[in-house]
Amino acid sequence: MPRARRRALGAPALTTGLTLAYLSVIVLIPLAAVVAKATAGGWHHFWQVAWNPEARAALELTLELAGLVVLVNAVFGTALAWTLVRDAFPGKGLLNSIIDLPFALPTIVAGLTLLALYGPTGGVGVNIAYTRAGVLMALLFVTLPFVVRTVQPVLLELDKEMEEAAASLGAGRFTVFRRIVFPNLFPALLSGVALAFARALGEFGAVVLIAGNIPFKTEVASVYVYQHVSSDDPTGAAALAVVLLVISLAVLLAIGAVRRWATRHDR
């Protein structure tokens, strides 16, 4: 076999090996270490520490708020993307840049900003610090870009002639959106809400200041994990971390399956 052909055949295997090695070092091995730590005392002990009343309350609150974040982002994220693509107005470029601010801003700074604005000494006359509303506000801030940035490219590539043809046949705006626009946006919207849900599920920096971290009231799962690490209880922290990991993976796989089902006719 010629040397050039041998090199060509070996290149994919080398690339795959390097990719798997990198993925293992960065993701798989640390996750395996967390699972091993959580289950070191056996599965019975794992469920005792992962499903005690405080941990369960923190997890339920986190899932509740993450669900609300998904609903709000699905509606307003799509509306923002539509405005940025279809409308022209002064300051559009600035607004487009502000959308990405949560990506660039350290999340602890976001939490401090929200606390200064909506805290007891804030200047707007609204105090939502140490409440669930404050936690929701922080999560909405850090998840703002996900739906916008996944839906926006689809809107840019969408053929407007189909919408114009439907309108010329008498279809109203809502019918055009429901029958033509939304089916094209749906896969991208699913990707955006999946990312927003996963981010909300594990967010720490933006919520740790404004939440107040009151058990059974405003304590979310990520703060519960941090507090148990700080209290020299790594097993309890790892146990809830594993539960969060399983939930996140299950949600991402489920949404991925729905996305593949929605795009099955495009292949």
Protein backbone atom coordinates (compact mmCIF):
# COMPACT_ATOMS: atom_id res chain seq x y z
CA MET A 1 0.00 0.00 0.00
CA PRO A 2 1.46 3.44 -0.92
CA ARG A 3 2.69 5.52 1.99
CA ALA A 4 0.34 8.43 1.19
CA ARG A 5 -2.66 6.07 1.26
CA ARG A 6 -1.57 4.60 4.60
CA ARG A 7 -1.30 8.10 6.03
CA ALA A 8 -4.78 8.96 4.70
CA LEU A 9 -6.28 5.86 6.24
CA GLY A 10 -4.57 6.48 9.57
CA ALA A 11 -5.62 10.13 9.83
CA PRO A 12 -9.28 9.51 10.81
CA ALA A 13 -8.24 6.98 13.45
CA LEU A 14 -5.71 9.42 14.88
CA THR A 15 -8.24 12.26 14.91
CA THR A 16 -10.86 10.05 16.58
CA GLY A 17 -8.37 8.91 19.19
CA LEU A 18 -7.29 12.45 20.03
CA THR A 19 -10.91 13.57 20.23
CA LEU A 20 -11.87 10.74 22.56
CA ALA A 21 -8.78 11.32 24.71
CA TYR A 22 -9.57 15.01 25.03
CA LEU A 23 -13.24 14.31 25.80
CA SER A 24 -12.25 11.74 28.41
CA VAL A 25 -9.83 14.04 30.22
CA ILE A 26 -12.14 17.06 30.16
CA VAL A 27 -15.58 15.46 30.63
CA LEU A 28 -15.84 11.70 31.06
CA ILE A 29 -13.20 11.07 33.73
CA PRO A 30 -14.35 13.97 35.98
CA LEU A 31 -17.96 12.82 35.67
CA ALA A 32 -16.97 9.27 36.52
CA ALA A 33 -15.10 10.57 39.57
CA VAL A 34 -18.22 12.42 40.76
CA VAL A 35 -20.36 9.31 40.33
CA ALA A 36 -17.78 7.20 42.17
CA LYS A 37 -17.69 9.71 45.03
CA ALA A 38 -21.48 9.84 45.27
CA THR A 39 -21.84 6.05 45.37
CA ALA A 40 -18.83 5.27 47.57
CA GLY A 41 -21.11 4.29 50.45
CA GLY A 42 -23.44 2.19 48.32
CA TRP A 43 -26.68 3.03 46.55
CA HIS A 44 -28.74 2.99 49.74
CA HIS A 45 -26.53 5.68 51.24
CA PHE A 46 -26.58 7.54 47.91
CA TRP A 47 -30.38 7.85 47.99
CA GLN A 48 -30.31 8.84 51.64
CA VAL A 49 -28.07 11.83 50.98
CA ALA A 50 -29.43 12.69 47.52
CA TRP A 51 -33.09 12.52 48.50
CA ASN A 52 -33.16 14.01 51.99
CA PRO A 53 -35.84 16.71 52.50
CA GLU A 54 -33.49 19.67 51.98
CA ALA A 55 -31.91 18.23 48.85
CA ARG A 56 -35.32 17.32 47.44
CA ALA A 57 -36.67 20.82 48.13
CA ALA A 58 -33.64 22.39 46.42
CA LEU A 59 -34.04 20.10 43.41
CA GLU A 60 -37.79 20.73 43.12
CA LEU A 61 -37.26 24.49 43.25
CA THR A 62 -34.53 24.27 40.63
CA LEU A 63 -36.69 22.22 38.27
CA GLU A 64 -39.66 24.53 38.78
CA LEU A 65 -37.65 27.67 38.01
CA ALA A 66 -35.85 26.02 35.08
CA GLY A 67 -39.24 25.12 33.61
CA LEU A 68 -40.43 28.71 33.95
CA VAL A 69 -37.21 29.91 32.34
CA VAL A 70 -37.86 27.63 29.38
CA LEU A 71 -41.40 28.94 28.90
CA VAL A 72 -40.39 32.60 29.15
CA ASN A 73 -37.39 32.16 26.86
CA ALA A 74 -39.40 30.25 24.29
CA VAL A 75 -41.84 33.15 23.94
CA PHE A 76 -39.71 36.23 24.44
CA GLY A 77 -36.54 34.76 22.93
CA THR A 78 -38.43 34.03 19.72
CA ALA A 79 -39.98 37.52 19.80
CA LEU A 80 -36.54 39.11 20.25
CA ALA A 81 -35.08 37.08 17.39
CA TRP A 82 -38.01 38.05 15.17
CA THR A 83 -37.55 41.74 16.02
CA LEU A 84 -33.82 41.64 15.30
CA VAL A 85 -34.30 39.91 11.94
CA ARG A 86 -37.52 41.40 10.56
CA ASP A 87 -37.63 44.95 12.00
CA ALA A 88 -35.43 48.00 11.45
CA PHE A 89 -35.13 50.58 14.22
CA PRO A 90 -32.53 52.90 15.77
CA GLY A 91 -30.18 51.11 18.14
CA LYS A 92 -30.72 47.70 16.57
CA GLY A 93 -26.98 46.99 16.48
CA LEU A 94 -26.63 47.90 20.14
CA LEU A 95 -29.54 45.65 21.11
CA ASN A 96 -28.02 42.83 19.08
CA SER A 97 -24.77 43.20 21.05
CA ILE A 98 -26.53 43.40 24.42
CA ILE A 99 -28.12 39.99 23.76
CA ASP A 100 -24.66 38.42 24.05
CA LEU A 101 -23.76 40.26 27.27
CA PRO A 102 -24.64 37.30 29.55
CA PHE A 103 -22.06 35.24 27.63
CA ALA A 104 -19.31 37.79 28.29
CA LEU A 105 -20.22 39.00 31.76
CA PRO A 106 -19.07 36.91 34.76
CA THR A 107 -22.21 35.49 36.31
CA ILE A 108 -21.27 36.61 39.81
CA VAL A 109 -21.21 40.17 38.46
CA ALA A 110 -24.68 39.64 37.04
CA GLY A 111 -25.90 38.51 40.45
CA LEU A 112 -24.31 41.50 42.14
CA THR A 113 -25.87 43.85 39.58
CA LEU A 114 -29.33 42.39 40.08
CA LEU A 115 -28.93 42.57 43.85
CA ALA A 116 -27.88 46.22 43.66
CA LEU A 117 -30.82 47.06 41.41
CA TYR A 118 -33.59 44.92 42.87
CA GLY A 119 -32.30 44.55 46.42
CA PRO A 120 -33.42 46.33 49.60
CA THR A 121 -31.29 49.39 48.74
CA GLY A 122 -32.01 49.36 45.00
CA GLY A 123 -33.09 52.49 43.23
CA VAL A 124 -36.17 51.13 41.43
CA GLY A 125 -38.36 50.62 44.49
CA VAL A 126 -38.70 46.89 43.90
CA ASN A 127 -37.16 44.41 46.32
CA ILE A 128 -37.05 40.83 45.06
CA ALA A 129 -33.81 39.88 46.77
CA TYR A 130 -33.89 36.59 48.68
CA THR A 131 -37.09 35.54 46.94
CA ARG A 132 -37.89 33.01 44.24
CA ALA A 133 -38.71 35.89 41.91
CA GLY A 134 -35.16 37.14 42.35
CA VAL A 135 -33.74 33.72 41.51
CA LEU A 136 -35.96 33.55 38.43
CA MET A 137 -34.76 36.99 37.33
CA ALA A 138 -31.13 35.89 37.64
CA LEU A 139 -31.76 32.72 35.64
CA LEU A 140 -33.59 34.63 32.92
CA PHE A 141 -30.62 36.98 32.65
CA VAL A 142 -28.01 34.26 32.12
CA THR A 143 -30.18 32.23 29.71
CA LEU A 144 -31.30 35.18 27.56
CA PRO A 145 -29.09 34.53 24.51
CA PHE A 146 -29.76 30.83 23.95
CA VAL A 147 -33.14 30.89 22.20
CA VAL A 148 -32.39 34.17 20.43
CA ARG A 149 -29.13 32.93 18.95
CA THR A 150 -30.52 29.55 17.86
CA VAL A 151 -33.70 30.94 16.27
CA GLN A 152 -32.14 34.02 14.66
CA PRO A 153 -30.12 32.20 11.93
CA VAL A 154 -33.17 30.18 10.90
CA LEU A 155 -35.23 33.35 10.50
CA LEU A 156 -32.45 34.89 8.42
CA GLU A 157 -32.49 31.92 6.02
CA LEU A 158 -36.27 31.52 5.91
CA ASP A 159 -37.75 32.03 2.47
CA LYS A 160 -40.15 34.97 2.70
CA GLU A 161 -41.76 34.05 -0.60
CA MET A 162 -43.67 31.23 1.09
CA GLU A 163 -45.07 33.68 3.64
CA GLU A 164 -45.99 36.16 0.90
CA ALA A 165 -47.69 33.43 -1.14
CA ALA A 166 -49.74 32.32 1.86
CA ALA A 167 -50.71 35.92 2.62
CA SER A 168 -51.76 36.46 -1.00
CA LEU A 169 -54.08 33.47 -0.68
CA GLY A 170 -55.80 35.08 2.28
CA ALA A 171 -53.96 33.59 5.24
CA GLY A 172 -53.73 35.85 8.27
CA ARG A 173 -50.49 36.65 10.08
CA PHE A 174 -51.11 34.12 12.81
CA THR A 175 -51.94 31.40 10.30
CA VAL A 176 -48.79 32.17 8.31
CA PHE A 177 -46.69 32.00 11.45
CA ARG A 178 -48.35 28.78 12.70
CA ARG A 179 -48.33 26.89 9.38
CA ILE A 180 -45.14 28.15 7.73
CA VAL A 181 -42.79 29.98 10.09
CA PHE A 182 -43.14 27.97 13.29
CA PRO A 183 -42.50 24.50 11.77
CA ASN A 184 -39.19 25.82 10.44
CA LEU A 185 -38.30 27.44 13.77
CA PHE A 186 -39.31 24.50 15.93
CA PRO A 187 -36.06 22.45 15.77
CA ALA A 188 -33.93 25.51 16.51
CA LEU A 189 -36.31 26.55 19.28
CA LEU A 190 -35.95 23.11 20.86
CA SER A 191 -32.16 23.44 20.81
CA GLY A 192 -32.36 26.86 22.43
CA VAL A 193 -34.70 25.84 25.23
CA ALA A 194 -32.64 22.70 25.91
CA LEU A 195 -29.52 24.82 26.39
CA ALA A 196 -31.44 27.32 28.52
CA PHE A 197 -32.85 24.54 30.71
CA ALA A 198 -29.45 22.95 31.24
CA ARG A 199 -27.89 26.32 32.07
CA ALA A 200 -30.68 27.18 34.53
CA LEU A 201 -30.40 23.77 36.17
CA GLY A 202 -26.75 24.26 37.09
CA GLU A 203 -26.37 28.04 37.40
CA PHE A 204 -24.52 29.18 40.51
CA GLY A 205 -22.81 32.55 40.14
CA ALA A 206 -25.85 34.60 39.20
CA VAL A 207 -28.09 33.18 41.94
CA VAL A 208 -25.82 32.76 44.94
CA LEU A 209 -26.08 36.43 45.99
CA ILE A 210 -29.67 37.27 45.16
CA ALA A 211 -31.17 33.98 46.37
CA GLY A 212 -30.26 34.33 50.02
CA ASN A 213 -29.87 30.53 50.03
CA ILE A 214 -32.66 29.91 52.52
CA PRO A 215 -33.29 26.14 52.81
CA PHE A 216 -36.77 25.05 51.65
CA LYS A 217 -37.43 28.57 50.28
CA THR A 218 -34.77 29.98 47.94
CA GLU A 219 -31.99 27.39 48.02
CA VAL A 220 -31.38 25.96 44.55
CA ALA A 221 -29.53 22.75 43.78
CA SER A 222 -26.22 24.33 42.72
CA VAL A 223 -26.02 26.34 45.95
CA TYR A 224 -26.91 23.22 47.95
CA VAL A 225 -23.98 21.42 46.32
CA TYR A 226 -21.61 24.31 47.05
CA GLN A 227 -22.67 24.59 50.68
CA HIS A 228 -22.16 20.89 51.30
CA VAL A 229 -18.72 21.02 49.73
CA SER A 230 -17.91 23.98 51.98
CA SER A 231 -19.24 22.02 54.98
CA ASP A 232 -16.88 19.12 54.26
CA ASP A 233 -19.66 16.88 53.00
CA PRO A 234 -18.46 16.00 49.48
CA THR A 235 -20.57 12.83 49.37
CA GLY A 236 -23.82 14.75 49.86
CA ALA A 237 -22.74 17.34 47.30
CA ALA A 238 -21.72 14.69 44.78
CA ALA A 239 -24.99 12.78 45.25
CA LEU A 240 -27.17 15.73 44.26
CA ALA A 241 -24.71 16.63 41.51
CA VAL A 242 -25.21 13.17 40.01
CA VAL A 243 -29.00 13.61 40.15
CA LEU A 244 -28.66 16.94 38.33
CA LEU A 245 -26.38 15.30 35.77
CA VAL A 246 -28.87 12.52 35.07
CA ILE A 247 -31.78 14.95 34.74
CA SER A 248 -29.82 17.24 32.40
CA LEU A 249 -28.70 14.34 30.23
CA ALA A 250 -32.22 12.89 30.07
CA VAL A 251 -33.73 16.23 29.08
CA LEU A 252 -31.08 16.86 26.41
CA LEU A 253 -31.53 13.37 24.96
CA ALA A 254 -35.32 13.70 24.96
CA ILE A 255 -35.25 17.09 23.26
CA GLY A 256 -32.68 15.79 20.78
CA ALA A 257 -35.00 12.91 19.92
CA VAL A 258 -37.93 15.29 19.41
CA ARG A 259 -35.72 17.52 17.27
CA ARG A 260 -34.71 14.57 15.07
CA TRP A 261 -38.36 13.56 14.76
CA ALA A 262 -39.32 17.11 13.76
CA THR A 263 -36.65 17.25 11.05
CA ARG A 264 -37.07 13.69 9.75
CA HIS A 265 -38.63 14.92 6.48
CA ASP A 266 -35.70 17.25 5.78
CA ARG A 267 -33.21 14.41 5.31
